[in-house]
């Protein structure tokens, strides 16, 4: 395996990691901002108020986007990694 091929697979692997994690990170960011605004407007500083809704939203998005995530990983490994390993 040449150095260029290695870095190309590494770059594509990092891109797959970014696209897989993007839905969860976006939902965590939006939920955090909404809950932070709610806490600032109502002056309620409860720790469970920030944690529980954010985790619930992230679990819901993870459940909905799980097929997309697994499909992206399977296609990455089937198209790039496994042929590289099998081919030498």
N, C-alpha and C. Protein backbone atom coordinates (compact mmCIF):
# COMPACT_ATOMS: atom_id res chain seq x y z
N UNK A 1 0.85 -1.17 0.00
CA UNK A 1 0.00 0.00 0.00
C UNK A 1 0.89 1.23 0.00
N UNK A 2 0.59 2.13 -0.89
CA UNK A 2 1.39 3.35 -0.96
C UNK A 2 0.92 4.34 0.10
N UNK A 3 1.74 5.30 0.30
CA UNK A 3 1.43 6.33 1.29
C UNK A 3 0.21 7.14 0.88
N UNK A 4 0.08 7.44 -0.40
CA UNK A 4 -1.07 8.20 -0.89
C UNK A 4 -2.37 7.44 -0.71
N UNK A 5 -2.35 6.15 -0.97
CA UNK A 5 -3.56 5.33 -0.79
C UNK A 5 -3.96 5.27 0.67
N UNK A 6 -2.97 5.15 1.55
CA UNK A 6 -3.26 5.13 2.98
C UNK A 6 -3.92 6.43 3.44
N UNK A 7 -3.36 7.55 3.03
CA UNK A 7 -3.91 8.83 3.44
C UNK A 7 -5.28 9.09 2.82
N UNK A 8 -5.51 8.57 1.62
CA UNK A 8 -6.82 8.71 0.99
C UNK A 8 -7.88 7.93 1.75
N UNK A 9 -7.56 6.70 2.15
CA UNK A 9 -8.50 5.90 2.94
C UNK A 9 -8.72 6.54 4.31
N UNK A 10 -7.67 7.06 4.90
CA UNK A 10 -7.79 7.73 6.19
C UNK A 10 -8.67 8.97 6.09
N UNK A 11 -8.49 9.74 5.03
CA UNK A 11 -9.32 10.94 4.83
C UNK A 11 -10.78 10.55 4.65
N UNK A 12 -11.05 9.52 3.85
CA UNK A 12 -12.44 9.10 3.65
C UNK A 12 -13.03 8.52 4.92
N UNK A 13 -12.21 7.83 5.72
CA UNK A 13 -12.69 7.32 7.00
C UNK A 13 -13.06 8.43 7.96
N UNK A 14 -12.25 9.47 8.00
CA UNK A 14 -12.58 10.62 8.84
C UNK A 14 -13.85 11.32 8.36
N UNK A 15 -14.04 11.40 7.05
CA UNK A 15 -15.25 12.01 6.52
C UNK A 15 -16.48 11.19 6.87
N UNK A 16 -16.37 9.87 6.81
CA UNK A 16 -17.48 9.00 7.21
C UNK A 16 -17.79 9.21 8.69
N UNK A 17 -16.76 9.34 9.52
CA UNK A 17 -16.97 9.58 10.95
C UNK A 17 -17.69 10.91 11.18
N UNK A 18 -17.34 11.92 10.42
CA UNK A 18 -18.00 13.22 10.56
C UNK A 18 -19.46 13.14 10.14
N UNK A 19 -19.74 12.48 9.02
CA UNK A 19 -21.12 12.40 8.55
C UNK A 19 -21.98 11.53 9.46
N UNK A 20 -21.38 10.52 10.08
CA UNK A 20 -22.14 9.67 11.00
C UNK A 20 -22.45 10.41 12.29
N UNK A 21 -21.50 11.17 12.79
CA UNK A 21 -21.71 11.84 14.08
C UNK A 21 -22.45 13.17 13.96
N UNK A 22 -22.60 13.69 12.76
CA UNK A 22 -23.23 15.01 12.59
C UNK A 22 -24.66 15.08 13.11
N UNK A 23 -25.54 14.12 12.83
CA UNK A 23 -26.91 14.25 13.35
C UNK A 23 -26.97 14.32 14.88
N UNK A 24 -26.19 13.50 15.55
CA UNK A 24 -26.20 13.52 17.02
C UNK A 24 -25.64 14.82 17.56
N UNK A 25 -24.56 15.30 16.96
CA UNK A 25 -23.96 16.54 17.45
C UNK A 25 -24.85 17.75 17.20
N UNK A 26 -25.53 17.77 16.06
CA UNK A 26 -26.42 18.89 15.76
C UNK A 26 -27.60 18.91 16.73
N UNK A 27 -28.17 17.73 17.02
CA UNK A 27 -29.29 17.67 17.96
C UNK A 27 -28.83 18.07 19.36
N UNK A 28 -27.65 17.63 19.77
CA UNK A 28 -27.14 18.01 21.09
C UNK A 28 -26.92 19.52 21.18
N UNK A 29 -26.42 20.11 20.10
CA UNK A 29 -26.21 21.56 20.09
C UNK A 29 -27.52 22.31 20.16
N UNK A 30 -28.49 21.92 19.34
CA UNK A 30 -29.78 22.61 19.33
C UNK A 30 -30.49 22.44 20.66
N UNK A 31 -30.49 21.23 21.20
CA UNK A 31 -31.16 21.00 22.49
C UNK A 31 -30.47 21.78 23.60
N UNK A 32 -29.15 21.84 23.57
CA UNK A 32 -28.43 22.61 24.58
C UNK A 32 -28.74 24.09 24.52
N UNK A 33 -28.83 24.64 23.32
CA UNK A 33 -29.14 26.07 23.17
C UNK A 33 -30.57 26.35 23.63
N UNK A 34 -31.51 25.49 23.22
CA UNK A 34 -32.91 25.70 23.61
C UNK A 34 -33.06 25.60 25.12
N UNK A 35 -32.45 24.61 25.73
CA UNK A 35 -32.56 24.45 27.18
C UNK A 35 -31.83 25.59 27.90
N UNK A 36 -30.71 26.01 27.37
CA UNK A 36 -30.00 27.15 27.97
C UNK A 36 -30.82 28.43 27.90
N UNK A 37 -31.49 28.67 26.78
CA UNK A 37 -32.37 29.84 26.68
C UNK A 37 -33.54 29.74 27.65
N UNK A 38 -34.10 28.54 27.77
CA UNK A 38 -35.20 28.34 28.71
C UNK A 38 -34.74 28.60 30.14
N UNK A 39 -33.55 28.12 30.50
CA UNK A 39 -33.03 28.35 31.84
C UNK A 39 -32.72 29.82 32.07
N UNK A 40 -32.22 30.50 31.07
CA UNK A 40 -31.91 31.92 31.23
C UNK A 40 -33.19 32.75 31.37
N UNK A 41 -34.23 32.35 30.64
CA UNK A 41 -35.48 33.11 30.71
C UNK A 41 -36.24 32.87 32.00
N UNK A 42 -36.16 31.66 32.55
CA UNK A 42 -36.94 31.33 33.74
C UNK A 42 -36.12 31.33 35.01
N UNK A 43 -34.82 31.48 34.94
CA UNK A 43 -33.90 31.45 36.08
C UNK A 43 -33.97 30.14 36.84
N UNK A 44 -34.26 29.06 36.16
CA UNK A 44 -34.26 27.73 36.76
C UNK A 44 -32.91 27.11 36.46
N UNK A 45 -32.14 26.80 37.48
CA UNK A 45 -30.80 26.24 37.29
C UNK A 45 -30.76 24.81 37.83
N UNK A 46 -31.50 23.94 37.23
CA UNK A 46 -31.55 22.54 37.64
C UNK A 46 -30.69 21.72 36.69
N UNK A 47 -29.82 20.87 37.24
CA UNK A 47 -28.89 20.10 36.40
C UNK A 47 -29.61 19.04 35.58
N UNK A 48 -30.64 18.41 36.15
CA UNK A 48 -31.35 17.37 35.41
C UNK A 48 -32.14 17.97 34.25
N UNK A 49 -32.48 19.24 34.34
CA UNK A 49 -33.20 19.89 33.25
C UNK A 49 -32.33 19.99 32.00
N UNK A 50 -31.03 20.09 32.17
CA UNK A 50 -30.15 20.15 31.00
C UNK A 50 -29.80 18.76 30.48
N UNK A 51 -29.69 17.80 31.37
CA UNK A 51 -29.19 16.49 30.98
C UNK A 51 -30.26 15.59 30.36
N UNK A 52 -31.38 15.45 31.01
CA UNK A 52 -32.40 14.48 30.59
C UNK A 52 -33.00 14.80 29.21
N UNK A 53 -33.44 16.02 28.92
CA UNK A 53 -33.99 16.27 27.58
C UNK A 53 -32.95 16.12 26.46
N UNK A 54 -31.71 16.51 26.76
CA UNK A 54 -30.67 16.39 25.74
C UNK A 54 -30.39 14.92 25.43
N UNK A 55 -30.31 14.10 26.45
CA UNK A 55 -30.08 12.67 26.22
C UNK A 55 -31.27 12.03 25.51
N UNK A 56 -32.48 12.42 25.89
CA UNK A 56 -33.67 11.87 25.24
C UNK A 56 -33.71 12.25 23.76
N UNK A 57 -33.39 13.49 23.45
CA UNK A 57 -33.38 13.91 22.05
C UNK A 57 -32.29 13.19 21.26
N UNK A 58 -31.13 13.00 21.87
CA UNK A 58 -30.06 12.30 21.18
C UNK A 58 -30.39 10.83 20.97
N UNK A 59 -31.04 10.19 21.93
CA UNK A 59 -31.46 8.81 21.76
C UNK A 59 -32.49 8.67 20.64
N UNK A 60 -33.42 9.62 20.58
CA UNK A 60 -34.43 9.57 19.52
C UNK A 60 -33.79 9.72 18.14
N UNK A 61 -32.87 10.66 18.01
CA UNK A 61 -32.20 10.86 16.73
C UNK A 61 -31.30 9.67 16.39
N UNK A 62 -30.66 9.10 17.40
CA UNK A 62 -29.83 7.92 17.14
C UNK A 62 -30.68 6.76 16.65
N UNK A 63 -31.84 6.59 17.24
CA UNK A 63 -32.73 5.51 16.83
C UNK A 63 -33.23 5.72 15.40
N UNK A 64 -33.54 6.96 15.05
CA UNK A 64 -34.03 7.26 13.70
C UNK A 64 -32.92 7.13 12.66
N UNK A 65 -31.72 7.59 12.99
CA UNK A 65 -30.64 7.62 11.99
C UNK A 65 -29.71 6.42 12.07
N UNK A 66 -30.07 5.40 12.82
CA UNK A 66 -29.19 4.24 12.95
C UNK A 66 -29.00 3.51 11.62
N UNK A 67 -30.05 3.43 10.80
CA UNK A 67 -29.90 2.74 9.51
C UNK A 67 -28.96 3.52 8.59
N UNK A 68 -29.03 4.84 8.62
CA UNK A 68 -28.11 5.65 7.83
C UNK A 68 -26.66 5.45 8.29
N UNK A 69 -26.47 5.43 9.61
CA UNK A 69 -25.12 5.27 10.14
C UNK A 69 -24.53 3.91 9.79
N UNK A 70 -25.31 2.87 10.00
CA UNK A 70 -24.78 1.54 9.70
C UNK A 70 -24.58 1.35 8.19
N UNK A 71 -25.45 1.92 7.37
CA UNK A 71 -25.28 1.84 5.93
C UNK A 71 -24.02 2.55 5.46
N UNK A 72 -23.73 3.70 6.05
CA UNK A 72 -22.52 4.43 5.68
C UNK A 72 -21.27 3.65 6.07
N UNK A 73 -21.28 3.05 7.25
CA UNK A 73 -20.13 2.26 7.68
C UNK A 73 -19.95 1.01 6.83
N UNK A 74 -21.04 0.32 6.54
CA UNK A 74 -20.96 -0.89 5.73
C UNK A 74 -20.45 -0.57 4.33
N UNK A 75 -20.96 0.48 3.73
CA UNK A 75 -20.49 0.83 2.38
C UNK A 75 -19.03 1.26 2.38
N UNK A 76 -18.59 1.95 3.43
CA UNK A 76 -17.18 2.35 3.53
C UNK A 76 -16.29 1.12 3.61
N UNK A 77 -16.66 0.18 4.46
CA UNK A 77 -15.83 -1.01 4.60
C UNK A 77 -15.91 -1.91 3.38
N UNK A 78 -17.13 -2.04 2.80
CA UNK A 78 -17.28 -2.93 1.65
C UNK A 78 -16.58 -2.37 0.41
N UNK A 79 -16.61 -1.06 0.24
CA UNK A 79 -16.04 -0.45 -0.97
C UNK A 79 -14.54 -0.17 -0.86
N UNK A 80 -14.06 0.16 0.35
CA UNK A 80 -12.66 0.58 0.46
C UNK A 80 -11.79 -0.34 1.29
N UNK A 81 -12.21 -0.64 2.49
CA UNK A 81 -11.31 -1.31 3.42
C UNK A 81 -11.13 -2.79 3.07
N UNK A 82 -12.23 -3.49 2.87
CA UNK A 82 -12.13 -4.93 2.60
C UNK A 82 -11.40 -5.23 1.29
N UNK A 83 -11.67 -4.51 0.18
CA UNK A 83 -10.86 -4.77 -1.01
C UNK A 83 -9.37 -4.46 -0.82
N UNK A 84 -9.08 -3.47 0.01
CA UNK A 84 -7.68 -3.16 0.25
C UNK A 84 -7.00 -4.26 1.06
N UNK A 85 -7.71 -4.80 2.03
CA UNK A 85 -7.15 -5.88 2.85
C UNK A 85 -7.02 -7.15 2.02
N UNK A 86 -8.04 -7.45 1.23
CA UNK A 86 -8.01 -8.67 0.42
C UNK A 86 -7.00 -8.58 -0.71
N UNK A 87 -6.84 -7.39 -1.25
CA UNK A 87 -5.92 -7.22 -2.36
C UNK A 87 -4.48 -7.08 -1.95
N UNK A 88 -4.25 -6.87 -0.69
CA UNK A 88 -2.87 -6.77 -0.23
C UNK A 88 -2.59 -5.35 0.05
